Amino acid sequence: QVQLVESGGGLVQPGGSLRLSCAASIIFFDTYTMGWYRQSPGKQRELVATITHKRFTNYADSVQGRCTISRDNVQNTVNLQMNSLKPEDAAVYYCNADSTRRGVVWGQGTQVTVSS
């Protein structure tokens, strides 16, 4: 069964940090581009960061310099380290696995709240 399970969300004060993790139950995980997306109420889901199977990374301008995406192809995990969090970073964060051959998989999401 193909599955992505996110963890690590929660409540953090502005300026704080969180580390999101995604555990993937996917065959050939190392061939997928993995990503993190987020969606806040009333807004469309947007890209936060992606990392290819060759570990090329891409970040949204809004998080560039504050977030780091990484992957472990042995543990089949992808992480998102988020620093200097702002209230506008509050959203449900979704893990994504994308393969041109095998399709797209989404996780169920994890809530990030940034508030004092």
Protein backbone atom coordinates (compact mmCIF):
# COMPACT_ATOMS: atom_id res chain seq x y z
CA GLN A 1 0.00 0.00 0.00
CA VAL A 2 1.41 3.36 -1.06
CA GLN A 3 1.29 5.76 1.87
CA LEU A 4 2.82 8.98 3.11
CA VAL A 5 2.55 9.85 6.80
CA GLU A 6 3.52 13.29 8.04
CA SER A 7 4.50 14.22 11.57
CA GLY A 8 6.09 17.08 13.45
CA GLY A 9 3.47 19.76 13.12
CA GLY A 10 2.25 21.78 16.06
CA LEU A 11 2.14 25.18 17.67
CA VAL A 12 5.23 27.37 17.59
CA GLN A 13 5.86 31.00 18.41
CA PRO A 14 6.92 33.43 15.70
CA GLY A 15 10.64 33.10 15.16
CA GLY A 16 10.61 29.50 16.29
CA SER A 17 11.48 26.30 14.44
CA LEU A 18 9.80 23.06 13.51
CA ARG A 19 10.96 19.94 11.77
CA LEU A 20 8.39 18.10 9.71
CA SER A 21 8.93 14.49 8.75
CA CYS A 22 7.28 12.28 6.18
CA ALA A 23 7.55 8.52 6.27
CA ALA A 24 6.93 6.92 2.89
CA SER A 25 5.72 3.43 2.22
CA ILE A 26 6.63 3.49 -1.45
CA ILE A 27 8.46 1.02 -3.62
CA PHE A 28 11.32 2.69 -5.47
CA PHE A 29 11.20 5.69 -3.11
CA ASP A 30 14.58 6.84 -4.36
CA THR A 31 13.16 7.43 -7.83
CA TYR A 32 10.52 9.90 -6.67
CA THR A 33 10.73 13.65 -6.42
CA MET A 34 9.57 14.40 -2.89
CA GLY A 35 8.02 17.64 -1.83
CA TRP A 36 6.27 19.63 0.82
CA TYR A 37 3.23 21.74 0.04
CA ARG A 38 0.99 23.78 2.28
CA GLN A 39 -2.54 25.07 2.29
CA SER A 40 -4.09 27.67 4.55
CA PRO A 41 -7.82 28.44 4.79
CA GLY A 42 -9.19 30.13 1.71
CA LYS A 43 -6.01 29.66 -0.27
CA GLN A 44 -4.82 27.20 -2.86
CA ARG A 45 -2.29 24.56 -2.02
CA GLU A 46 1.18 25.89 -2.74
CA LEU A 47 4.64 24.47 -3.12
CA VAL A 48 7.04 24.89 -0.21
CA ALA A 49 10.01 22.81 -1.31
CA THR A 50 10.94 19.82 -3.44
CA ILE A 51 13.92 17.50 -3.64
CA THR A 52 14.60 15.28 -6.63
CA HIS A 53 15.97 11.76 -6.58
CA LYS A 54 19.38 13.33 -7.26
CA ARG A 55 18.83 15.72 -4.33
CA PHE A 56 18.36 18.85 -6.39
CA THR A 57 16.24 21.18 -4.29
CA ASN A 58 13.76 23.91 -5.07
CA TYR A 59 12.14 26.34 -2.64
CA ALA A 60 9.31 28.80 -2.76
CA ASP A 61 10.55 32.37 -2.56
CA SER A 62 8.59 32.84 0.64
CA VAL A 63 10.63 30.19 2.50
CA GLN A 64 13.99 30.49 0.74
CA GLY A 65 16.72 30.75 3.35
CA ARG A 66 14.45 29.67 6.18
CA CYS A 67 13.64 26.10 5.21
CA THR A 68 15.73 23.07 4.31
CA ILE A 69 14.37 19.93 2.69
CA SER A 70 16.26 16.67 2.94
CA ARG A 71 15.67 13.01 2.22
CA ASP A 72 16.93 9.67 3.45
CA ASN A 73 16.64 7.02 0.77
CA VAL A 74 17.45 4.24 3.24
CA GLN A 75 14.81 5.20 5.80
CA ASN A 76 12.40 6.37 3.07
CA THR A 77 11.82 9.68 4.75
CA VAL A 78 11.78 13.30 3.73
CA ASN A 79 12.15 16.14 6.21
CA LEU A 80 11.49 19.84 6.20
CA GLN A 81 13.40 21.96 8.69
CA MET A 82 11.65 25.29 9.13
CA ASN A 83 13.30 28.17 10.96
CA SER A 84 12.34 31.76 11.71
CA LEU A 85 8.69 30.86 11.36
CA LYS A 86 6.19 33.61 10.63
CA PRO A 87 2.44 33.75 11.22
CA GLU A 88 1.95 33.50 7.47
CA ASP A 89 3.66 30.10 7.52
CA ALA A 90 0.68 28.67 9.39
CA ALA A 91 -1.02 26.05 7.25
CA VAL A 92 -1.62 22.37 6.79
CA TYR A 93 1.59 20.93 5.38
CA TYR A 94 1.36 18.02 2.97
CA CYS A 95 4.01 15.58 1.89
CA ASN A 96 4.05 14.71 -1.80
CA ALA A 97 5.70 12.01 -3.86
CA ASP A 98 5.84 12.51 -7.61
CA SER A 99 6.97 10.10 -10.27
CA THR A 100 6.34 10.50 -13.99
CA ARG A 101 6.15 6.73 -14.26
CA ARG A 102 4.25 5.86 -11.08
CA GLY A 103 2.08 8.87 -10.40
CA VAL A 104 1.53 11.22 -7.49
CA VAL A 105 0.87 10.43 -3.84
CA TRP A 106 -0.22 12.81 -1.09
CA GLY A 107 -0.10 12.50 2.65
CA GLN A 108 -2.94 13.42 4.96
CA GLY A 109 -1.28 16.62 6.16
CA THR A 110 0.00 17.99 9.43
CA GLN A 111 -1.07 21.29 10.97
CA VAL A 112 1.46 24.03 11.65
CA THR A 113 0.29 26.95 13.78
CA VAL A 114 2.48 30.00 14.31
CA SER A 115 1.20 32.19 17.08
CA SER A 116 2.29 33.89 20.25
